[in-house]
Amino acid sequence: MKLFLRDQWPFAAFFLVQLILLIMIFAMDGYWNESLMIYVMFLSVFFAGAFLAIRYLSHRTIYQRLSKPVETLEELTQTYGNSPLCRAMDDISQEQYRLYKEQLHAYENKQRDHTTFIQQWVHQMKTPISVIHLLLQNEDDPTAESVREEVDRIKRGLETVLYIARLDRFEQDFLIEPVTLRSLVQNVLAENKRLFIRNQVYPEVKVDDNWRVESDDKWLAFVLNQLLTNAVRYSAGKSNKVTIRAYERGAHAILEVQDYGIGIPAEDIRRVFKPYFTGENGRKYPESTGMGLYLVKEICGRLHHGVEMESEVGEGTTVRIVLSAVVPTLQESKIAES
């Protein structure tokens, strides 16, 4: 109704001015009959009001639709009415909906082709990387070790690219099932053993064998891999230990990665989960991409896990993954141990 009144006020103002001018013309001409003038004014106002009422009722759907934002695309396919203006609005809405769907499908197909290309390219690049690892397997000289380090860096970069590409199809590429945290941590540590040795940083694992949570093993392993890579990178040269622990907090299990490295400035903590943000530490470590913690946040969000971070410059950083409710077998095993 408010939109209708704002739309029709020029007509109402013009009508009133016209009515006043008409009465003044009759008065100036000397023709003045009070009862007749009142009757004429009543008829004019009555027919103008009837016109506005009929117009509002016939176009009410349009005014209601324009008064509130569109919440679903299906609203664009709803009919407005049978008046010429309503039918014209129906045609425009249908055409807009059709164009939007065509552009959306074109964009989805383009993204699908791009994702397929990236995945194929990453898998093709893994073959020469594996060959290089085999060629360097029996080589222990410093040159071979430097090449091995760069190959590991390329491998981690390719994994990051692959998981970024898979985020668009996350719903089709995950499986929630019980995950044993101890096995998960050991597998990730085994994959990164050369990284730990090369940086002279060693893991301290405080995860009981009975800890089991509901999650996706592959995606959670990637998250832990990112956290451990950051922990080792920012601990090298300052500390020789990274602690991985698990414990219970209420109805949740907490997987925690704590390093004792350089820490993160307070002004950077609220932005470290944004894509491509490297902050002050990124200027000290050129290999930082700003994508690691962003992927951690995105993946955990889609797995319905929380992420918490605490850090102090010069003391280190602690990142916690708040996992889904603890599997009942864990609680039973704790009761049995007690």
Protein backbone atom coordinates (compact mmCIF):
# COMPACT_ATOMS: atom_id res chain seq x y z
CA MET A 1 0.00 0.00 0.00
CA LYS A 2 2.82 2.44 0.84
CA LEU A 3 4.42 1.91 -2.55
CA PHE A 4 1.05 2.41 -4.27
CA LEU A 5 0.46 5.70 -2.42
CA ARG A 6 3.94 6.96 -3.32
CA ASP A 7 3.31 5.99 -6.93
CA GLN A 8 -0.11 7.65 -7.21
CA TRP A 9 0.41 10.86 -5.24
CA PRO A 10 1.23 12.89 -8.42
CA PHE A 11 -2.14 11.83 -9.87
CA ALA A 12 -3.94 12.81 -6.65
CA ALA A 13 -2.16 16.17 -6.53
CA PHE A 14 -2.93 16.88 -10.19
CA PHE A 15 -6.59 15.91 -9.64
CA LEU A 16 -6.97 18.27 -6.67
CA VAL A 17 -5.36 21.18 -8.54
CA GLN A 18 -7.63 20.55 -11.52
CA LEU A 19 -10.72 20.43 -9.28
CA ILE A 20 -9.80 23.71 -7.55
CA LEU A 21 -9.14 25.43 -10.87
CA LEU A 22 -12.52 24.23 -12.19
CA ILE A 23 -14.36 25.67 -9.18
CA MET A 24 -12.46 28.96 -9.49
CA ILE A 25 -13.37 29.26 -13.15
CA PHE A 26 -17.08 28.77 -12.37
CA ALA A 27 -16.87 31.30 -9.53
CA MET A 28 -15.10 33.91 -11.67
CA ASP A 29 -17.70 33.48 -14.40
CA GLY A 30 -20.39 34.38 -11.88
CA TYR A 31 -21.98 30.98 -11.95
CA TRP A 32 -22.08 29.87 -8.31
CA ASN A 33 -24.49 27.29 -7.01
CA GLU A 34 -23.25 25.91 -3.72
CA SER A 35 -25.26 22.68 -3.77
CA LEU A 36 -24.31 21.99 -7.39
CA MET A 37 -20.63 22.65 -6.68
CA ILE A 38 -20.68 20.24 -3.73
CA TYR A 39 -22.37 17.64 -5.90
CA VAL A 40 -19.79 18.07 -8.67
CA MET A 41 -16.93 17.83 -6.15
CA PHE A 42 -18.46 14.68 -4.64
CA LEU A 43 -18.81 13.00 -8.03
CA SER A 44 -15.27 13.94 -9.04
CA VAL A 45 -13.74 12.65 -5.80
CA PHE A 46 -15.89 9.51 -5.91
CA PHE A 47 -14.88 8.55 -9.45
CA ALA A 48 -11.20 9.39 -8.81
CA GLY A 49 -11.26 7.28 -5.62
CA ALA A 50 -13.00 4.43 -7.46
CA PHE A 51 -10.36 4.59 -10.18
CA LEU A 52 -7.53 4.41 -7.63
CA ALA A 53 -9.20 1.55 -5.73
CA ILE A 54 -9.72 -0.48 -8.90
CA ARG A 55 -6.15 0.19 -10.00
CA TYR A 56 -4.76 -0.88 -6.63
CA LEU A 57 -6.79 -4.08 -6.56
CA SER A 58 -5.82 -5.01 -10.12
CA HIS A 59 -2.11 -4.27 -9.54
CA ARG A 60 -1.87 -5.22 -5.88
CA THR A 61 0.33 -8.25 -6.58
CA ILE A 62 2.86 -6.09 -8.41
CA TYR A 63 3.07 -3.55 -5.59
CA GLN A 64 3.39 -6.31 -2.97
CA ARG A 65 6.14 -8.03 -4.95
CA LEU A 66 8.05 -4.78 -5.45
CA SER A 67 7.76 -3.90 -1.75
CA LYS A 68 9.82 -6.88 -0.55
CA PRO A 69 13.05 -8.43 -1.88
CA VAL A 70 13.02 -11.63 -3.89
CA GLU A 71 13.97 -14.56 -1.65
CA THR A 72 13.83 -17.43 -4.17
CA LEU A 73 14.17 -17.67 -7.93
CA GLU A 74 10.80 -19.41 -8.09
CA GLU A 75 9.15 -16.12 -7.17
CA LEU A 76 10.12 -14.80 -10.59
CA THR A 77 7.91 -17.45 -12.21
CA GLN A 78 4.76 -16.52 -10.29
CA THR A 79 2.01 -14.65 -12.16
CA TYR A 80 1.02 -11.11 -11.23
CA GLY A 81 -2.54 -10.97 -12.56
CA ASN A 82 -4.63 -10.58 -15.72
CA SER A 83 -4.35 -6.87 -16.40
CA PRO A 84 -2.18 -5.74 -19.34
CA LEU A 85 0.49 -4.37 -16.98
CA CYS A 86 0.50 -7.61 -14.95
CA ARG A 87 0.84 -9.74 -18.06
CA ALA A 88 3.71 -7.55 -19.25
CA MET A 89 5.41 -7.98 -15.88
CA ASP A 90 4.91 -11.74 -16.15
CA ASP A 91 6.62 -11.80 -19.53
CA ILE A 92 9.56 -9.73 -18.28
CA SER A 93 10.01 -11.89 -15.15
CA GLN A 94 9.90 -15.09 -17.19
CA GLU A 95 12.47 -13.74 -19.63
CA GLN A 96 14.77 -12.61 -16.81
CA TYR A 97 14.45 -16.02 -15.17
CA ARG A 98 15.28 -17.78 -18.43
CA LEU A 99 18.33 -15.59 -19.09
CA TYR A 100 19.56 -16.06 -15.52
CA LYS A 101 19.24 -19.85 -15.74
CA GLU A 102 21.09 -19.91 -19.05
CA GLN A 103 23.95 -17.82 -17.68
CA LEU A 104 24.05 -19.89 -14.49
CA HIS A 105 24.25 -23.15 -16.44
CA ALA A 106 26.97 -21.70 -18.66
CA TYR A 107 28.97 -20.61 -15.62
CA GLU A 108 28.52 -24.01 -13.93
CA ASN A 109 29.69 -25.81 -17.06
CA LYS A 110 32.71 -23.52 -17.29
CA GLN A 111 33.58 -24.12 -13.64
CA ARG A 112 33.10 -27.87 -14.08
CA ASP A 113 35.44 -27.92 -17.08
CA HIS A 114 38.00 -25.83 -15.20
CA THR A 115 37.87 -28.13 -12.16
CA THR A 116 38.24 -31.22 -14.35
CA PHE A 117 41.24 -29.66 -16.10
CA ILE A 118 42.92 -28.75 -12.80
CA GLN A 119 42.39 -32.24 -11.37
CA GLN A 120 43.75 -33.92 -14.48
CA TRP A 121 46.73 -31.59 -14.56
CA VAL A 122 47.55 -32.23 -10.89
CA HIS A 123 47.34 -35.99 -11.36
CA GLN A 124 49.58 -35.77 -14.42
CA MET A 125 52.13 -33.75 -12.46
CA LYS A 126 52.22 -36.39 -9.71
CA THR A 127 53.81 -38.91 -12.07
CA PRO A 128 57.05 -36.95 -12.73
CA ILE A 129 57.22 -36.07 -9.03
CA SER A 130 57.10 -39.77 -8.12
CA VAL A 131 59.80 -40.50 -10.72
CA ILE A 132 62.04 -37.79 -9.25
CA HIS A 133 61.56 -39.25 -5.77
CA LEU A 134 62.60 -42.67 -7.05
CA LEU A 135 65.69 -41.25 -8.78
CA LEU A 136 66.71 -39.51 -5.54
CA GLN A 137 65.94 -42.45 -3.28
CA ASN A 138 69.55 -43.65 -3.03
CA GLU A 139 71.16 -40.21 -3.20
CA ASP A 140 72.33 -38.60 0.05
CA ASP A 141 74.44 -35.66 -1.13
CA PRO A 142 73.35 -32.07 -0.34
CA THR A 143 72.29 -31.40 -3.93
CA ALA A 144 69.90 -34.36 -3.91
CA GLU A 145 68.51 -33.26 -0.56
CA SER A 146 67.87 -29.76 -1.92
CA VAL A 147 66.08 -31.20 -4.95
CA ARG A 148 64.05 -33.49 -2.65
CA GLU A 149 63.03 -30.49 -0.56
CA GLU A 150 61.84 -28.57 -3.61
CA VAL A 151 59.96 -31.61 -4.89
CA ASP A 152 58.17 -31.91 -1.54
CA ARG A 153 57.24 -28.25 -1.77
CA ILE A 154 55.83 -28.77 -5.27
CA LYS A 155 53.90 -31.78 -4.04
CA ARG A 156 52.32 -29.80 -1.20
CA GLY A 157 51.46 -27.00 -3.62
CA LEU A 158 49.77 -29.44 -5.99
CA GLU A 159 47.77 -30.94 -3.15
CA THR A 160 46.61 -27.47 -2.16
CA VAL A 161 45.54 -26.70 -5.74
CA LEU A 162 43.70 -30.02 -5.96
CA TYR A 163 41.77 -29.47 -2.76
CA ILE A 164 40.87 -25.90 -3.74
CA ALA A 165 39.42 -27.26 -6.98
CA ARG A 166 37.50 -29.94 -5.09
CA LEU A 167 35.84 -27.43 -2.77
CA ASP A 168 33.27 -26.60 -5.46
CA ARG A 169 32.12 -30.24 -5.40
CA PHE A 170 32.62 -30.79 -1.71
CA GLU A 171 29.13 -32.24 -1.20
CA GLN A 172 29.92 -35.00 -3.70
CA ASP A 173 33.37 -35.80 -2.32
CA PHE A 174 33.06 -36.43 1.40
CA LEU A 175 31.97 -39.27 3.64
CA ILE A 176 31.22 -38.84 7.32
CA GLU A 177 32.30 -41.87 9.34
CA PRO A 178 34.10 -42.67 12.61
CA VAL A 179 37.73 -41.52 12.41
CA THR A 180 40.40 -42.67 14.85
CA LEU A 181 42.41 -39.57 15.67
CA ARG A 182 45.56 -41.46 16.66
CA SER A 183 45.78 -43.21 13.30
CA LEU A 184 44.98 -39.99 11.48
CA VAL A 185 47.76 -38.10 13.28
CA GLN A 186 50.29 -40.87 12.70
CA ASN A 187 49.52 -41.04 8.98
CA VAL A 188 49.88 -37.28 8.55
CA LEU A 189 53.14 -37.26 10.53
CA ALA A 190 54.49 -40.06 8.35
CA GLU A 191 53.72 -38.04 5.22
CA ASN A 192 55.61 -35.06 6.65
CA LYS A 193 58.52 -36.81 8.33
CA ARG A 194 61.10 -35.27 5.96
CA LEU A 195 59.63 -31.83 6.67
CA PHE A 196 60.10 -32.35 10.42
CA ILE A 197 63.62 -33.74 10.06
CA ARG A 198 64.72 -31.06 7.61
CA ASN A 199 63.60 -28.27 9.96
CA GLN A 200 64.79 -30.10 13.10
CA VAL A 201 61.33 -29.92 14.61
CA TYR A 202 59.86 -33.04 16.17
CA PRO A 203 56.26 -33.90 17.01
CA GLU A 204 54.95 -34.63 20.47
CA VAL A 205 51.76 -36.70 20.18
CA LYS A 206 49.29 -36.74 23.06
CA VAL A 207 46.37 -38.51 21.41
CA ASP A 208 44.89 -41.62 23.01
CA ASP A 209 44.14 -44.66 20.84
CA ASN A 210 40.46 -44.53 21.84
CA TRP A 211 39.73 -41.09 20.45
CA ARG A 212 37.21 -41.48 17.63
CA VAL A 213 35.14 -38.71 16.08
CA GLU A 214 32.62 -38.28 13.28
CA SER A 215 34.32 -36.69 10.29
CA ASP A 216 35.76 -37.29 6.82
CA ASP A 217 39.17 -38.93 7.05
CA LYS A 218 40.59 -37.47 3.82
CA TRP A 219 39.52 -33.85 4.36
CA LEU A 220 40.43 -33.90 8.05
CA ALA A 221 43.87 -35.24 7.16
CA PHE A 222 44.37 -32.36 4.74
CA VAL A 223 43.36 -29.87 7.46
CA LEU A 224 45.83 -31.39 9.91
CA ASN A 225 48.49 -31.40 7.20
CA GLN A 226 48.05 -27.67 6.70
CA LEU A 227 48.23 -26.95 10.42
CA LEU A 228 51.38 -29.06 10.88
CA THR A 229 53.06 -27.47 7.86
CA ASN A 230 52.45 -24.01 9.31
CA ALA A 231 53.55 -25.12 12.78
CA VAL A 232 56.84 -26.53 11.49
CA ARG A 233 57.50 -23.60 9.16
CA TYR A 234 57.09 -20.97 11.88
CA SER A 235 58.90 -23.03 14.54
CA ALA A 236 62.09 -23.75 12.58
CA GLY A 237 65.07 -22.04 14.15
CA LYS A 238 63.20 -21.06 17.31
CA SER A 239 61.72 -24.24 18.74
CA ASN A 240 62.23 -27.94 18.11
CA LYS A 241 58.83 -29.21 19.20
CA VAL A 242 55.24 -29.26 17.95
CA THR A 243 52.53 -30.76 20.15
CA ILE A 244 49.45 -32.54 18.84
CA ARG A 245 46.91 -33.40 21.49
CA ALA A 246 43.28 -34.48 21.75
CA TYR A 247 40.92 -34.03 24.65
CA GLU A 248 37.24 -33.79 25.45
CA ARG A 249 35.38 -30.53 26.01
CA GLY A 250 31.73 -30.99 26.83
CA ALA A 251 30.08 -32.92 24.04
CA HIS A 252 32.92 -32.25 21.59
CA ALA A 253 36.38 -33.60 20.94
CA ILE A 254 39.21 -31.10 20.48
CA LEU A 255 42.16 -31.80 18.18
CA GLU A 256 44.86 -29.26 19.02
CA VAL A 257 48.10 -28.35 17.25
CA GLN A 258 50.44 -26.19 19.30
CA ASP A 259 53.78 -24.78 18.23
CA TYR A 260 56.28 -22.70 20.15
CA GLY A 261 57.49 -20.57 17.27
CA ILE A 262 57.33 -16.92 16.33
CA GLY A 263 53.57 -16.48 16.89
CA ILE A 264 51.12 -14.22 15.08
CA PRO A 265 50.66 -10.49 15.79
CA ALA A 266 47.35 -9.67 17.46
CA GLU A 267 46.24 -7.42 14.59
CA ASP A 268 46.64 -10.30 12.11
CA ILE A 269 44.77 -13.03 14.01
CA ARG A 270 41.28 -11.92 12.94
CA ARG A 271 42.36 -11.94 9.27
CA VAL A 272 44.48 -15.08 8.99
CA PHE A 273 41.50 -17.14 7.77
CA LYS A 274 40.88 -14.83 4.81
CA PRO A 275 42.14 -16.03 1.40
CA TYR A 276 45.59 -14.82 0.30
CA PHE A 277 46.23 -12.97 3.55
CA THR A 278 49.83 -13.54 4.67
CA GLY A 279 50.26 -10.76 7.21
CA GLU A 280 53.49 -9.75 8.85
CA ASN A 281 54.85 -13.31 8.96
CA GLY A 282 54.20 -13.69 5.24
CA ARG A 283 56.75 -10.98 4.54
CA LYS A 284 59.33 -12.94 6.53
CA TYR A 285 58.50 -16.27 4.87
CA PRO A 286 58.07 -15.75 1.09
CA GLU A 287 56.70 -19.29 0.59
CA SER A 288 53.53 -18.32 2.47
CA THR A 289 50.51 -18.23 0.16
CA GLY A 290 47.77 -17.18 2.57
CA MET A 291 45.61 -20.12 1.49
CA GLY A 292 46.41 -22.72 4.16
CA LEU A 293 44.32 -21.38 7.03
CA TYR A 294 41.64 -20.23 4.61
CA LEU A 295 41.23 -23.83 3.43
CA VAL A 296 41.26 -25.05 7.02
CA LYS A 297 38.39 -22.70 7.86
CA GLU A 298 36.42 -23.54 4.71
CA ILE A 299 36.78 -27.31 5.04
CA CYS A 300 36.00 -27.33 8.76
CA GLY A 301 32.95 -25.16 8.12
CA ARG A 302 31.63 -27.61 5.54
CA LEU A 303 32.31 -30.52 7.86
CA HIS A 304 30.52 -28.61 10.64
CA HIS A 305 33.69 -28.43 12.73
CA GLY A 306 34.76 -25.31 14.57
CA VAL A 307 38.20 -23.68 14.39
CA GLU A 308 39.79 -21.71 17.22
CA MET A 309 43.14 -19.96 17.35
CA GLU A 310 45.28 -18.43 20.06
CA SER A 311 48.68 -16.89 19.45
CA GLU A 312 51.24 -14.67 21.11
CA VAL A 313 54.24 -13.16 19.41
CA GLY A 314 57.40 -14.94 20.47
CA GLU A 315 55.50 -17.67 22.35
CA GLY A 316 53.80 -19.67 19.62
CA THR A 317 50.40 -20.49 18.16
CA THR A 318 47.66 -22.93 19.14
CA VAL A 319 44.96 -24.00 16.69
CA ARG A 320 42.03 -26.14 17.84
CA ILE A 321 39.63 -28.10 15.68
CA VAL A 322 36.31 -28.51 17.49
CA LEU A 323 35.11 -31.83 16.14
CA SER A 324 31.68 -33.39 16.11
CA ALA A 325 30.24 -35.14 19.16
CA VAL A 326 32.44 -37.88 20.53
CA VAL A 327 31.52 -41.35 19.30
CA PRO A 328 29.84 -43.36 22.11
CA THR A 329 32.52 -46.06 22.04
CA LEU A 330 35.02 -43.49 23.30
CA GLN A 331 32.91 -42.64 26.30
CA GLU A 332 32.35 -46.33 27.01
CA SER A 333 36.07 -47.02 26.83
CA LYS A 334 36.80 -44.17 29.25
CA ILE A 335 34.24 -45.55 31.69
CA ALA A 336 35.77 -49.01 31.38
CA GLU A 337 39.27 -47.64 32.08
CA SER A 338 38.07 -45.84 35.19
